PDB file of all heavy atoms in Angstrom:
ATOM      1  N   ASP A   1      -9.619  -6.661   4.471  1.00  0.00           N
ATOM      2  CA  ASP A   1      -8.452  -7.477   4.138  1.00  0.00           C
ATOM      3  C   ASP A   1      -7.954  -8.306   5.317  1.00  0.00           C
ATOM      4  O   ASP A   1      -7.145  -9.296   5.238  1.00  0.00           O
ATOM      5  CB  ASP A   1      -7.325  -6.573   3.615  1.00  0.00           C
ATOM      6  CG  ASP A   1      -6.811  -5.466   4.712  1.00  0.00           C
ATOM      7  OD1 ASP A   1      -7.567  -5.434   5.755  1.00  0.00           O
ATOM      8  OD2 ASP A   1      -5.817  -4.985   4.550  1.00  0.00           O
ATOM      9  N   LYS A   2      -8.461  -7.970   6.538  1.00  0.00           N
ATOM     10  CA  LYS A   2      -8.128  -8.771   7.859  1.00  0.00           C
ATOM     11  C   LYS A   2      -6.608  -8.669   8.130  1.00  0.00           C
ATOM     12  O   LYS A   2      -6.143  -9.403   9.030  1.00  0.00           O
ATOM     13  CB  LYS A   2      -8.478 -10.162   7.730  1.00  0.00           C
ATOM     14  CG  LYS A   2      -9.959 -10.506   7.308  1.00  0.00           C
ATOM     15  CD  LYS A   2     -10.854 -10.107   8.348  1.00  0.00           C
ATOM     16  CE  LYS A   2     -12.313 -10.359   7.952  1.00  0.00           C
ATOM     17  NZ  LYS A   2     -13.313  -9.829   9.074  1.00  0.00           N
ATOM     18  N   VAL A   3      -5.932  -7.665   7.516  1.00  0.00           N
ATOM     19  CA  VAL A   3      -4.494  -7.494   7.753  1.00  0.00           C
ATOM     20  C   VAL A   3      -4.345  -6.566   8.989  1.00  0.00           C
ATOM     21  O   VAL A   3      -4.892  -5.539   9.074  1.00  0.00           O
ATOM     22  CB  VAL A   3      -3.722  -6.969   6.527  1.00  0.00           C
ATOM     23  CG1 VAL A   3      -2.325  -6.627   6.928  1.00  0.00           C
ATOM     24  CG2 VAL A   3      -3.920  -7.898   5.320  1.00  0.00           C
ATOM     25  N   THR A   4      -3.469  -7.079   9.935  1.00  0.00           N
ATOM     26  CA  THR A   4      -3.114  -6.257  11.089  1.00  0.00           C
ATOM     27  C   THR A   4      -1.874  -5.457  10.811  1.00  0.00           C
ATOM     28  O   THR A   4      -1.007  -5.819   9.883  1.00  0.00           O
ATOM     29  CB  THR A   4      -2.979  -7.143  12.288  1.00  0.00           C
ATOM     30  OG1 THR A   4      -1.822  -8.084  12.108  1.00  0.00           O
ATOM     31  CG2 THR A   4      -4.227  -7.984  12.539  1.00  0.00           C
ATOM     32  N   LYS A   5      -1.464  -4.673  11.848  1.00  0.00           N
ATOM     33  CA  LYS A   5      -0.178  -3.880  11.658  1.00  0.00           C
ATOM     34  C   LYS A   5       0.928  -4.825  11.731  1.00  0.00           C
ATOM     35  O   LYS A   5       1.954  -4.615  11.014  1.00  0.00           O
ATOM     36  CB  LYS A   5      -0.187  -2.855  12.701  1.00  0.00           C
ATOM     37  CG  LYS A   5       1.100  -1.967  12.757  1.00  0.00           C
ATOM     38  CD  LYS A   5       1.071  -0.923  13.838  1.00  0.00           C
ATOM     39  CE  LYS A   5       2.376  -0.042  13.864  1.00  0.00           C
ATOM     40  NZ  LYS A   5       2.375   0.962  14.838  1.00  0.00           N
ATOM     41  N   ASP A   6       0.946  -5.796  12.653  1.00  0.00           N
ATOM     42  CA  ASP A   6       2.017  -6.678  12.904  1.00  0.00           C
ATOM     43  C   ASP A   6       2.261  -7.536  11.586  1.00  0.00           C
ATOM     44  O   ASP A   6       3.403  -7.693  11.095  1.00  0.00           O
ATOM     45  CB  ASP A   6       1.790  -7.600  14.060  1.00  0.00           C
ATOM     46  CG  ASP A   6       1.853  -6.862  15.420  1.00  0.00           C
ATOM     47  OD1 ASP A   6       2.497  -5.805  15.427  1.00  0.00           O
ATOM     48  OD2 ASP A   6       1.329  -7.327  16.352  1.00  0.00           O
ATOM     49  N   GLU A   7       1.249  -7.986  10.956  1.00  0.00           N
ATOM     50  CA  GLU A   7       1.336  -8.806   9.831  1.00  0.00           C
ATOM     51  C   GLU A   7       1.904  -8.007   8.642  1.00  0.00           C
ATOM     52  O   GLU A   7       2.699  -8.539   7.865  1.00  0.00           O
ATOM     53  CB  GLU A   7       0.020  -9.369   9.346  1.00  0.00           C
ATOM     54  CG  GLU A   7      -0.570 -10.450  10.376  1.00  0.00           C
ATOM     55  CD  GLU A   7      -2.013 -10.741  10.081  1.00  0.00           C
ATOM     56  OE1 GLU A   7      -2.624 -10.139   9.273  1.00  0.00           O
ATOM     57  OE2 GLU A   7      -2.474 -11.812  10.640  1.00  0.00           O
ATOM     58  N   TYR A   8       1.357  -6.781   8.418  1.00  0.00           N
ATOM     59  CA  TYR A   8       1.898  -5.872   7.378  1.00  0.00           C
ATOM     60  C   TYR A   8       3.376  -5.570   7.607  1.00  0.00           C
ATOM     61  O   TYR A   8       4.187  -5.408   6.746  1.00  0.00           O
ATOM     62  CB  TYR A   8       1.053  -4.647   7.283  1.00  0.00           C
ATOM     63  CG  TYR A   8       1.271  -3.732   5.992  1.00  0.00           C
ATOM     64  CD1 TYR A   8       0.575  -4.081   4.910  1.00  0.00           C
ATOM     65  CD2 TYR A   8       2.229  -2.809   5.987  1.00  0.00           C
ATOM     66  CE1 TYR A   8       0.818  -3.344   3.745  1.00  0.00           C
ATOM     67  CE2 TYR A   8       2.399  -2.017   4.855  1.00  0.00           C
ATOM     68  CZ  TYR A   8       1.721  -2.265   3.750  1.00  0.00           C
ATOM     69  OH  TYR A   8       1.896  -1.559   2.576  1.00  0.00           O
ATOM     70  N   GLY A   9       3.749  -5.399   8.893  1.00  0.00           N
ATOM     71  CA  GLY A   9       5.183  -4.995   9.215  1.00  0.00           C
ATOM     72  C   GLY A   9       6.139  -6.089   9.090  1.00  0.00           C
ATOM     73  O   GLY A   9       7.354  -5.791   9.059  1.00  0.00           O
ATOM     74  N   LYS A  10       5.769  -7.341   8.903  1.00  0.00           N
ATOM     75  CA  LYS A  10       6.744  -8.386   8.771  1.00  0.00           C
ATOM     76  C   LYS A  10       7.522  -8.190   7.448  1.00  0.00           C
ATOM     77  O   LYS A  10       8.738  -8.653   7.386  1.00  0.00           O
ATOM     78  CB  LYS A  10       5.919  -9.783   8.775  1.00  0.00           C
ATOM     79  CG  LYS A  10       5.500 -10.160  10.133  1.00  0.00           C
ATOM     80  CD  LYS A  10       4.653 -11.484  10.108  1.00  0.00           C
ATOM     81  CE  LYS A  10       4.117 -11.854  11.481  1.00  0.00           C
ATOM     82  NZ  LYS A  10       3.297 -13.042  11.358  1.00  0.00           N
ATOM     83  N   ASN A  11       6.916  -7.801   6.426  1.00  0.00           N
ATOM     84  CA  ASN A  11       7.538  -7.513   5.151  1.00  0.00           C
ATOM     85  C   ASN A  11       7.433  -6.078   4.864  1.00  0.00           C
ATOM     86  O   ASN A  11       7.030  -5.719   3.634  1.00  0.00           O
ATOM     87  CB  ASN A  11       7.058  -8.435   4.041  1.00  0.00           C
ATOM     88  CG  ASN A  11       7.343  -9.900   4.346  1.00  0.00           C
ATOM     89  OD1 ASN A  11       8.471 -10.366   4.311  1.00  0.00           O
ATOM     90  ND2 ASN A  11       6.246 -10.684   4.505  1.00  0.00           N
ATOM     91  N   LEU A  12       7.759  -5.187   5.711  1.00  0.00           N
ATOM     92  CA  LEU A  12       7.414  -3.728   5.592  1.00  0.00           C
ATOM     93  C   LEU A  12       8.040  -3.093   4.347  1.00  0.00           C
ATOM     94  O   LEU A  12       7.423  -2.465   3.623  1.00  0.00           O
ATOM     95  CB  LEU A  12       7.817  -3.057   6.934  1.00  0.00           C
ATOM     96  CG  LEU A  12       7.448  -1.489   6.877  1.00  0.00           C
ATOM     97  CD1 LEU A  12       5.987  -1.354   6.805  1.00  0.00           C
ATOM     98  CD2 LEU A  12       7.941  -0.811   8.140  1.00  0.00           C
ATOM     99  N   ASP A  13       9.385  -3.325   4.278  1.00  0.00           N
ATOM    100  CA  ASP A  13       9.997  -2.681   3.054  1.00  0.00           C
ATOM    101  C   ASP A  13       9.459  -3.110   1.755  1.00  0.00           C
ATOM    102  O   ASP A  13       9.278  -2.345   0.963  1.00  0.00           O
ATOM    103  CB  ASP A  13      11.561  -3.035   3.155  1.00  0.00           C
ATOM    104  CG  ASP A  13      12.359  -2.481   4.274  1.00  0.00           C
ATOM    105  OD1 ASP A  13      11.813  -1.418   4.762  1.00  0.00           O
ATOM    106  OD2 ASP A  13      13.361  -2.997   4.702  1.00  0.00           O
ATOM    107  N   ARG A  14       9.159  -4.376   1.617  1.00  0.00           N
ATOM    108  CA  ARG A  14       8.724  -4.839   0.227  1.00  0.00           C
ATOM    109  C   ARG A  14       7.314  -4.231   0.089  1.00  0.00           C
ATOM    110  O   ARG A  14       6.990  -3.811  -0.976  1.00  0.00           O
ATOM    111  CB  ARG A  14       8.732  -6.319   0.208  1.00  0.00           C
ATOM    112  CG  ARG A  14       8.323  -6.925  -1.086  1.00  0.00           C
ATOM    113  CD  ARG A  14       8.041  -8.461  -1.025  1.00  0.00           C
ATOM    114  NE  ARG A  14       6.955  -8.799  -0.189  1.00  0.00           N
ATOM    115  CZ  ARG A  14       6.643 -10.028   0.227  1.00  0.00           C
ATOM    116  NH1 ARG A  14       7.427 -11.089  -0.228  1.00  0.00           N
ATOM    117  NH2 ARG A  14       5.563 -10.267   0.948  1.00  0.00           N
ATOM    118  N   ASN A  15       6.545  -4.354   1.180  1.00  0.00           N
ATOM    119  CA  ASN A  15       5.107  -3.867   1.039  1.00  0.00           C
ATOM    120  C   ASN A  15       5.006  -2.364   0.660  1.00  0.00           C
ATOM    121  O   ASN A  15       4.208  -1.883  -0.202  1.00  0.00           O
ATOM    122  CB  ASN A  15       4.351  -4.185   2.413  1.00  0.00           C
ATOM    123  CG  ASN A  15       4.017  -5.599   2.616  1.00  0.00           C
ATOM    124  OD1 ASN A  15       4.020  -6.488   1.667  1.00  0.00           O
ATOM    125  ND2 ASN A  15       3.936  -5.967   3.793  1.00  0.00           N
ATOM    126  N   ILE A  16       5.859  -1.609   1.410  1.00  0.00           N
ATOM    127  CA  ILE A  16       5.803  -0.119   1.109  1.00  0.00           C
ATOM    128  C   ILE A  16       6.381   0.106  -0.278  1.00  0.00           C
ATOM    129  O   ILE A  16       5.836   1.043  -1.041  1.00  0.00           O
ATOM    130  CB  ILE A  16       6.788   0.636   2.120  1.00  0.00           C
ATOM    131  CG1 ILE A  16       6.082   0.441   3.503  1.00  0.00           C
ATOM    132  CG2 ILE A  16       6.909   2.036   1.766  1.00  0.00           C
ATOM    133  CD1 ILE A  16       4.756   1.084   3.598  1.00  0.00           C
ATOM    134  N   LYS A  17       7.393  -0.575  -0.794  1.00  0.00           N
ATOM    135  CA  LYS A  17       7.912  -0.399  -2.111  1.00  0.00           C
ATOM    136  C   LYS A  17       6.859  -0.670  -3.114  1.00  0.00           C
ATOM    137  O   LYS A  17       6.653   0.159  -4.139  1.00  0.00           O
ATOM    138  CB  LYS A  17       9.194  -1.188  -2.370  1.00  0.00           C
ATOM    139  CG  LYS A  17      10.401  -0.643  -1.730  1.00  0.00           C
ATOM    140  CD  LYS A  17      11.614  -1.555  -2.125  1.00  0.00           C
ATOM    141  CE  LYS A  17      12.889  -0.988  -1.434  1.00  0.00           C
ATOM    142  NZ  LYS A  17      14.071  -1.770  -1.738  1.00  0.00           N
ATOM    143  N   GLU A  18       6.108  -1.727  -2.978  1.00  0.00           N
ATOM    144  CA  GLU A  18       5.022  -2.019  -3.872  1.00  0.00           C
ATOM    145  C   GLU A  18       3.990  -1.047  -3.857  1.00  0.00           C
ATOM    146  O   GLU A  18       3.428  -0.705  -4.969  1.00  0.00           O
ATOM    147  CB  GLU A  18       4.512  -3.427  -3.542  1.00  0.00           C
ATOM    148  CG  GLU A  18       5.547  -4.636  -3.856  1.00  0.00           C
ATOM    149  CD  GLU A  18       4.901  -5.985  -3.507  1.00  0.00           C
ATOM    150  OE1 GLU A  18       3.880  -6.024  -2.938  1.00  0.00           O
ATOM    151  OE2 GLU A  18       5.752  -7.011  -3.796  1.00  0.00           O
ATOM    152  N   LEU A  19       3.659  -0.587  -2.684  1.00  0.00           N
ATOM    153  CA  LEU A  19       2.608   0.417  -2.505  1.00  0.00           C
ATOM    154  C   LEU A  19       2.942   1.711  -3.190  1.00  0.00           C
ATOM    155  O   LEU A  19       2.136   2.291  -4.032  1.00  0.00           O
ATOM    156  CB  LEU A  19       2.291   0.664  -0.980  1.00  0.00           C
ATOM    157  CG  LEU A  19       1.354   1.760  -0.665  1.00  0.00           C
ATOM    158  CD1 LEU A  19      -0.019   1.492  -1.317  1.00  0.00           C
ATOM    159  CD2 LEU A  19       1.247   1.932   0.887  1.00  0.00           C
ATOM    160  N   VAL A  20       4.128   2.182  -3.062  1.00  0.00           N
ATOM    161  CA  VAL A  20       4.674   3.397  -3.726  1.00  0.00           C
ATOM    162  C   VAL A  20       4.653   3.214  -5.209  1.00  0.00           C
ATOM    163  O   VAL A  20       4.168   4.186  -5.993  1.00  0.00           O
ATOM    164  CB  VAL A  20       6.053   3.700  -3.223  1.00  0.00           C
ATOM    165  CG1 VAL A  20       6.603   4.881  -4.123  1.00  0.00           C
ATOM    166  CG2 VAL A  20       6.111   4.092  -1.756  1.00  0.00           C
ATOM    167  N   GLN A  21       5.017   2.040  -5.730  1.00  0.00           N
ATOM    168  CA  GLN A  21       4.975   1.859  -7.240  1.00  0.00           C
ATOM    169  C   GLN A  21       3.505   1.904  -7.716  1.00  0.00           C
ATOM    170  O   GLN A  21       3.167   2.470  -8.781  1.00  0.00           O
ATOM    171  CB  GLN A  21       5.514   0.470  -7.557  1.00  0.00           C
ATOM    172  CG  GLN A  21       5.761   0.165  -8.987  1.00  0.00           C
ATOM    173  CD  GLN A  21       6.629   1.230  -9.692  1.00  0.00           C
ATOM    174  OE1 GLN A  21       7.677   1.489  -9.130  1.00  0.00           O
ATOM    175  NE2 GLN A  21       6.200   1.600 -10.856  1.00  0.00           N
ATOM    176  N   ARG A  22       2.562   1.347  -6.976  1.00  0.00           N
ATOM    177  CA  ARG A  22       1.124   1.408  -7.488  1.00  0.00           C
ATOM    178  C   ARG A  22       0.644   2.769  -7.354  1.00  0.00           C
ATOM    179  O   ARG A  22      -0.273   3.224  -8.198  1.00  0.00           O
ATOM    180  CB  ARG A  22       0.236   0.419  -6.594  1.00  0.00           C
ATOM    181  CG  ARG A  22       0.506  -1.067  -7.004  1.00  0.00           C
ATOM    182  CD  ARG A  22      -0.466  -1.902  -6.059  1.00  0.00           C
ATOM    183  NE  ARG A  22       0.111  -2.115  -4.824  1.00  0.00           N
ATOM    184  CZ  ARG A  22      -0.454  -2.175  -3.723  1.00  0.00           C
ATOM    185  NH1 ARG A  22      -1.689  -1.769  -3.676  1.00  0.00           N
ATOM    186  NH2 ARG A  22       0.150  -2.300  -2.447  1.00  0.00           N
ATOM    187  N   LEU A  23       1.003   3.583  -6.462  1.00  0.00           N
ATOM    188  CA  LEU A  23       0.628   5.018  -6.376  1.00  0.00           C
ATOM    189  C   LEU A  23       1.123   5.771  -7.455  1.00  0.00           C
ATOM    190  O   LEU A  23       0.622   6.665  -8.000  1.00  0.00           O
ATOM    191  CB  LEU A  23       1.048   5.563  -4.966  1.00  0.00           C
ATOM    192  CG  LEU A  23       0.327   5.072  -3.698  1.00  0.00           C
ATOM    193  CD1 LEU A  23       1.036   5.540  -2.452  1.00  0.00           C
ATOM    194  CD2 LEU A  23      -1.149   5.661  -3.692  1.00  0.00           C
ATOM    195  N   LYS A  24       2.433   5.511  -7.798  1.00  0.00           N
ATOM    196  CA  LYS A  24       3.035   6.204  -9.010  1.00  0.00           C
ATOM    197  C   LYS A  24       2.401   5.978 -10.282  1.00  0.00           C
ATOM    198  O   LYS A  24       2.113   6.881 -11.122  1.00  0.00           O
ATOM    199  CB  LYS A  24       4.597   5.875  -8.981  1.00  0.00           C
ATOM    200  CG  LYS A  24       5.385   6.555  -7.972  1.00  0.00           C
ATOM    201  CD  LYS A  24       6.949   6.183  -8.100  1.00  0.00           C
ATOM    202  CE  LYS A  24       7.758   6.959  -7.069  1.00  0.00           C
ATOM    203  NZ  LYS A  24       9.204   6.596  -7.286  1.00  0.00           N
ATOM    204  N   ASN A  25       2.189   4.678 -10.565  1.00  0.00           N
ATOM    205  CA  ASN A  25       1.553   4.304 -11.804  1.00  0.00           C
ATOM    206  C   ASN A  25       0.052   4.309 -11.833  1.00  0.00           C
ATOM    207  O   ASN A  25      -0.597   3.926 -12.935  1.00  0.00           O
ATOM    208  CB  ASN A  25       2.204   3.054 -12.364  1.00  0.00           C
ATOM    209  CG  ASN A  25       1.876   1.768 -11.443  1.00  0.00           C
ATOM    210  OD1 ASN A  25       0.836   1.832 -10.737  1.00  0.00           O
ATOM    211  ND2 ASN A  25       2.649   0.717 -11.386  1.00  0.00           N
ATOM    212  N   LYS A  26      -0.539   4.798 -10.769  1.00  0.00           N
ATOM    213  CA  LYS A  26      -2.007   4.874 -10.584  1.00  0.00           C
ATOM    214  C   LYS A  26      -2.769   3.506 -10.790  1.00  0.00           C
ATOM    215  O   LYS A  26      -3.833   3.547 -11.168  1.00  0.00           O
ATOM    216  CB  LYS A  26      -2.556   6.060 -11.606  1.00  0.00           C
ATOM    217  CG  LYS A  26      -2.013   7.303 -11.141  1.00  0.00           C
ATOM    218  CD  LYS A  26      -2.865   8.383 -11.961  1.00  0.00           C
ATOM    219  CE  LYS A  26      -2.442   9.786 -11.573  1.00  0.00           C
ATOM    220  NZ  LYS A  26      -3.223  10.799 -12.353  1.00  0.00           N
ATOM    221  N   SER A  27      -2.054   2.488 -10.372  1.00  0.00           N
ATOM    222  CA  SER A  27      -2.806   1.240 -10.329  1.00  0.00           C
ATOM    223  C   SER A  27      -3.412   0.925  -8.989  1.00  0.00           C
ATOM    224  O   SER A  27      -4.024  -0.032  -8.793  1.00  0.00           O
ATOM    225  CB  SER A  27      -1.915   0.159 -10.815  1.00  0.00           C
ATOM    226  OG  SER A  27      -0.811  -0.093  -9.895  1.00  0.00           O
ATOM    227  N   PHE A  28      -3.150   1.862  -8.094  1.00  0.00           N
ATOM    228  CA  PHE A  28      -3.595   1.688  -6.678  1.00  0.00           C
ATOM    229  C   PHE A  28      -5.124   1.804  -6.590  1.00  0.00           C
ATOM    230  O   PHE A  28      -5.578   2.828  -7.259  1.00  0.00           O
ATOM    231  CB  PHE A  28      -2.817   2.764  -5.842  1.00  0.00           C
ATOM    232  CG  PHE A  28      -3.430   2.739  -4.361  1.00  0.00           C
ATOM    233  CD1 PHE A  28      -3.043   1.749  -3.467  1.00  0.00           C
ATOM    234  CD2 PHE A  28      -4.301   3.692  -3.925  1.00  0.00           C
ATOM    235  CE1 PHE A  28      -3.515   1.677  -2.212  1.00  0.00           C
ATOM    236  CE2 PHE A  28      -4.857   3.560  -2.634  1.00  0.00           C
ATOM    237  CZ  PHE A  28      -4.408   2.689  -1.736  1.00  0.00           C
ATOM    238  N   LYS A  29      -5.756   0.949  -6.005  1.00  0.00           N
ATOM    239  CA  LYS A  29      -7.168   1.079  -5.796  1.00  0.00           C
ATOM    240  C   LYS A  29      -7.507   0.754  -4.406  1.00  0.00           C
ATOM    241  O   LYS A  29      -7.400  -0.351  -3.863  1.00  0.00           O
ATOM    242  CB  LYS A  29      -7.910   0.018  -6.736  1.00  0.00           C
ATOM    243  CG  LYS A  29      -9.416   0.066  -6.747  1.00  0.00           C
ATOM    244  CD  LYS A  29     -10.036  -0.890  -7.667  1.00  0.00           C
ATOM    245  CE  LYS A  29     -11.601  -0.788  -7.679  1.00  0.00           C
ATOM    246  NZ  LYS A  29     -12.210  -1.744  -8.634  1.00  0.00           N
ATOM    247  N   PRO A  30      -8.143   1.741  -3.601  1.00  0.00           N
ATOM    248  CA  PRO A  30      -8.579   1.520  -2.289  1.00  0.00           C
ATOM    249  C   PRO A  30      -9.566   0.450  -2.245  1.00  0.00           C
ATOM    250  O   PRO A  30     -10.467   0.311  -3.001  1.00  0.00           O
ATOM    251  CB  PRO A  30      -9.188   2.893  -1.843  1.00  0.00           C
ATOM    252  CG  PRO A  30      -8.666   3.909  -2.854  1.00  0.00           C
ATOM    253  CD  PRO A  30      -8.411   3.097  -4.200  1.00  0.00           C
TER     254      PRO A  30
END
């Protein structure tokens, strides 16, 4: 994905919320 820690952290709250939602509804795909 070429994503770094700094890039992911710029919108951390939104990214984490979306990640949790995908984990809950099992739409998450590694």
